[in-house]
Structure formats: C-alpha cells, structure tokens
Amino acid sequence: MFDIIVWAGTTLSLAGLAGLVWCILRVHKARRSGLSDEELRATVQAVLPWNLGALFLSVLGLMAVIVGISLG
C-alpha cells in the first residue's frame, strides 16, 4: 500500500521537475532571442504561474514520498 504512495509521489515530483525545466528553458530562450524589456517581462509573467504550479506539484510529490516512507 505505502509503496504505491511512494511511487505516486515520485511520479509527481518528476512531473514537477519536468515542468520546472520547461520553465527555465522557455525563459532562457526568450532571453537569448533579444526581446525588448517589455516583451521579456511579459514572457516571464506568462511563465510564472506554470513555474509555481510545477514547484507545488514537486513539493506535493516529495511530501507523498516522505509520508510513504515514514508510514511504510
């Protein structure tokens, strides 16, 4: 039972990590493309909710892993 919680948490953490990498790559690409300051700011503001969501997903996954290991 607790093995399922650990593996589900691992999956959530990896999905969150993939989202964070995607956010980093998207902002890096925008910085390299030579956008104006306003366009770059708009890009970062568009990525920010995705970044926070990915971070939250990763934290939930890590919490599930800790709970699964502690109770298992």
N, C-alpha and C. Protein backbone atom coordinates (compact mmCIF):
# COMPACT_ATOMS: atom_id res chain seq x y z
N MET A 1 0.82 -1.20 0.00
CA MET A 1 0.00 0.00 0.00
C MET A 1 0.86 1.26 0.00
N PHE A 2 1.84 1.31 0.92
CA PHE A 2 2.67 2.51 1.02
C PHE A 2 3.67 2.61 -0.13
N ASP A 3 3.96 1.47 -0.76
CA ASP A 3 4.81 1.52 -1.95
C ASP A 3 4.13 2.31 -3.06
N ILE A 4 2.83 2.19 -3.16
CA ILE A 4 2.07 2.94 -4.17
C ILE A 4 2.17 4.44 -3.90
N ILE A 5 2.09 4.83 -2.63
CA ILE A 5 2.21 6.24 -2.27
C ILE A 5 3.59 6.77 -2.62
N VAL A 6 4.62 5.97 -2.35
CA VAL A 6 5.99 6.39 -2.66
C VAL A 6 6.17 6.56 -4.17
N TRP A 7 5.70 5.60 -4.95
CA TRP A 7 5.88 5.68 -6.40
C TRP A 7 5.01 6.77 -7.02
N ALA A 8 3.82 6.98 -6.47
CA ALA A 8 2.99 8.08 -6.97
C ALA A 8 3.65 9.42 -6.65
N GLY A 9 4.22 9.54 -5.46
CA GLY A 9 4.92 10.75 -5.10
C GLY A 9 6.15 10.98 -5.97
N THR A 10 6.84 9.92 -6.29
CA THR A 10 8.00 10.03 -7.18
C THR A 10 7.57 10.52 -8.56
N THR A 11 6.47 9.99 -9.04
CA THR A 11 5.96 10.42 -10.34
C THR A 11 5.56 11.89 -10.32
N LEU A 12 4.89 12.32 -9.26
CA LEU A 12 4.52 13.73 -9.14
C LEU A 12 5.75 14.63 -9.08
N SER A 13 6.75 14.21 -8.33
CA SER A 13 7.97 15.00 -8.22
C SER A 13 8.69 15.11 -9.56
N LEU A 14 8.74 14.03 -10.30
CA LEU A 14 9.39 14.07 -11.61
C LEU A 14 8.60 14.93 -12.60
N ALA A 15 7.28 14.88 -12.51
CA ALA A 15 6.46 15.75 -13.37
C ALA A 15 6.69 17.22 -13.02
N GLY A 16 6.77 17.52 -11.73
CA GLY A 16 7.06 18.88 -11.32
C GLY A 16 8.44 19.33 -11.76
N LEU A 17 9.41 18.44 -11.67
CA LEU A 17 10.77 18.77 -12.11
C LEU A 17 10.81 19.03 -13.62
N ALA A 18 10.07 18.23 -14.37
CA ALA A 18 10.00 18.45 -15.82
C ALA A 18 9.36 19.82 -16.12
N GLY A 19 8.35 20.18 -15.35
CA GLY A 19 7.73 21.50 -15.53
C GLY A 19 8.69 22.63 -15.21
N LEU A 20 9.49 22.46 -14.18
CA LEU A 20 10.48 23.49 -13.83
C LEU A 20 11.54 23.63 -14.92
N VAL A 21 11.99 22.51 -15.46
CA VAL A 21 12.96 22.56 -16.55
C VAL A 21 12.36 23.25 -17.76
N TRP A 22 11.10 22.96 -18.07
CA TRP A 22 10.42 23.61 -19.19
C TRP A 22 10.37 25.12 -18.99
N CYS A 23 10.05 25.55 -17.77
CA CYS A 23 10.00 26.99 -17.48
C CYS A 23 11.37 27.64 -17.66
N ILE A 24 12.40 26.98 -17.17
CA ILE A 24 13.76 27.51 -17.30
C ILE A 24 14.14 27.63 -18.77
N LEU A 25 13.87 26.61 -19.55
CA LEU A 25 14.21 26.64 -20.96
C LEU A 25 13.43 27.70 -21.72
N ARG A 26 12.17 27.88 -21.37
CA ARG A 26 11.36 28.89 -22.06
C ARG A 26 11.88 30.30 -21.79
N VAL A 27 12.22 30.60 -20.55
CA VAL A 27 12.74 31.93 -20.23
C VAL A 27 14.13 32.12 -20.82
N HIS A 28 14.94 31.07 -20.80
CA HIS A 28 16.27 31.16 -21.39
C HIS A 28 16.18 31.44 -22.89
N LYS A 29 15.26 30.78 -23.56
CA LYS A 29 15.06 31.01 -24.99
C LYS A 29 14.60 32.44 -25.26
N ALA A 30 13.74 32.96 -24.40
CA ALA A 30 13.27 34.34 -24.56
C ALA A 30 14.40 35.34 -24.33
N ARG A 31 15.27 35.05 -23.38
CA ARG A 31 16.40 35.95 -23.12
C ARG A 31 17.38 35.96 -24.28
N ARG A 32 17.60 34.78 -24.88
CA ARG A 32 18.54 34.70 -26.00
C ARG A 32 18.01 35.33 -27.27
N SER A 33 16.69 35.40 -27.42
CA SER A 33 16.11 35.89 -28.66
C SER A 33 16.20 37.41 -28.81
N GLY A 34 16.64 38.10 -27.78
CA GLY A 34 16.84 39.53 -27.88
C GLY A 34 15.56 40.34 -27.86
N LEU A 35 14.61 39.92 -27.07
CA LEU A 35 13.35 40.65 -26.95
C LEU A 35 13.59 41.96 -26.21
N SER A 36 12.67 42.87 -26.40
CA SER A 36 12.74 44.12 -25.64
C SER A 36 12.42 43.83 -24.18
N ASP A 37 12.67 44.81 -23.35
CA ASP A 37 12.46 44.64 -21.91
C ASP A 37 10.99 44.34 -21.60
N GLU A 38 10.08 45.01 -22.27
CA GLU A 38 8.65 44.78 -22.04
C GLU A 38 8.22 43.39 -22.51
N GLU A 39 8.71 42.96 -23.64
CA GLU A 39 8.35 41.63 -24.15
C GLU A 39 8.93 40.52 -23.25
N LEU A 40 10.15 40.75 -22.79
CA LEU A 40 10.76 39.77 -21.88
C LEU A 40 10.00 39.70 -20.57
N ARG A 41 9.60 40.84 -20.07
CA ARG A 41 8.82 40.88 -18.82
C ARG A 41 7.48 40.17 -19.01
N ALA A 42 6.84 40.35 -20.16
CA ALA A 42 5.57 39.68 -20.43
C ALA A 42 5.76 38.16 -20.51
N THR A 43 6.86 37.73 -21.10
CA THR A 43 7.14 36.30 -21.18
C THR A 43 7.35 35.70 -19.80
N VAL A 44 8.13 36.39 -18.98
CA VAL A 44 8.38 35.89 -17.62
C VAL A 44 7.08 35.86 -16.82
N GLN A 45 6.24 36.88 -16.98
CA GLN A 45 4.96 36.89 -16.26
C GLN A 45 4.05 35.77 -16.74
N ALA A 46 4.14 35.39 -18.01
CA ALA A 46 3.32 34.29 -18.51
C ALA A 46 3.81 32.94 -18.00
N VAL A 47 5.11 32.83 -17.76
CA VAL A 47 5.69 31.56 -17.30
C VAL A 47 5.55 31.39 -15.79
N LEU A 48 5.42 32.48 -15.06
CA LEU A 48 5.40 32.43 -13.60
C LEU A 48 4.32 31.50 -13.02
N PRO A 49 3.06 31.54 -13.48
CA PRO A 49 2.08 30.59 -12.91
C PRO A 49 2.44 29.13 -13.17
N TRP A 50 3.01 28.85 -14.33
CA TRP A 50 3.43 27.48 -14.63
C TRP A 50 4.57 27.06 -13.72
N ASN A 51 5.47 28.00 -13.46
CA ASN A 51 6.60 27.73 -12.58
C ASN A 51 6.11 27.41 -11.16
N LEU A 52 5.20 28.21 -10.66
CA LEU A 52 4.67 27.98 -9.31
C LEU A 52 3.89 26.67 -9.24
N GLY A 53 3.12 26.37 -10.29
CA GLY A 53 2.38 25.11 -10.33
C GLY A 53 3.29 23.90 -10.35
N ALA A 54 4.37 23.99 -11.12
CA ALA A 54 5.33 22.88 -11.18
C ALA A 54 6.04 22.71 -9.85
N LEU A 55 6.37 23.81 -9.21
CA LEU A 55 7.01 23.74 -7.90
C LEU A 55 6.07 23.12 -6.86
N PHE A 56 4.80 23.51 -6.90
CA PHE A 56 3.81 22.95 -5.98
C PHE A 56 3.63 21.45 -6.22
N LEU A 57 3.60 21.05 -7.48
CA LEU A 57 3.45 19.63 -7.81
C LEU A 57 4.65 18.84 -7.29
N SER A 58 5.83 19.40 -7.45
CA SER A 58 7.03 18.73 -6.97
C SER A 58 7.02 18.61 -5.45
N VAL A 59 6.59 19.65 -4.76
CA VAL A 59 6.53 19.61 -3.30
C VAL A 59 5.51 18.58 -2.83
N LEU A 60 4.36 18.53 -3.47
CA LEU A 60 3.36 17.51 -3.11
C LEU A 60 3.90 16.10 -3.30
N GLY A 61 4.63 15.91 -4.38
CA GLY A 61 5.22 14.60 -4.63
C GLY A 61 6.24 14.22 -3.57
N LEU A 62 7.08 15.18 -3.20
CA LEU A 62 8.07 14.90 -2.16
C LEU A 62 7.41 14.62 -0.81
N MET A 63 6.33 15.34 -0.52
CA MET A 63 5.60 15.07 0.72
C MET A 63 5.01 13.67 0.71
N ALA A 64 4.48 13.24 -0.43
CA ALA A 64 3.92 11.90 -0.52
C ALA A 64 5.01 10.84 -0.33
N VAL A 65 6.18 11.09 -0.88
CA VAL A 65 7.29 10.14 -0.71
C VAL A 65 7.67 10.05 0.77
N ILE A 66 7.78 11.18 1.43
CA ILE A 66 8.14 11.18 2.86
C ILE A 66 7.09 10.43 3.68
N VAL A 67 5.81 10.70 3.41
CA VAL A 67 4.74 10.03 4.14
C VAL A 67 4.77 8.52 3.87
N GLY A 68 4.96 8.14 2.62
CA GLY A 68 5.01 6.73 2.29
C GLY A 68 6.16 6.00 2.95
N ILE A 69 7.31 6.67 3.01
CA ILE A 69 8.48 6.04 3.65
C ILE A 69 8.28 6.00 5.17
N SER A 70 7.75 7.06 5.74
CA SER A 70 7.58 7.12 7.20
C SER A 70 6.57 6.10 7.70
N LEU A 71 5.48 5.94 7.00
CA LEU A 71 4.44 5.03 7.45
C LEU A 71 4.65 3.59 6.99
N GLY A 72 5.50 3.41 6.01
CA GLY A 72 5.69 2.08 5.44
C GLY A 72 6.71 1.24 6.08
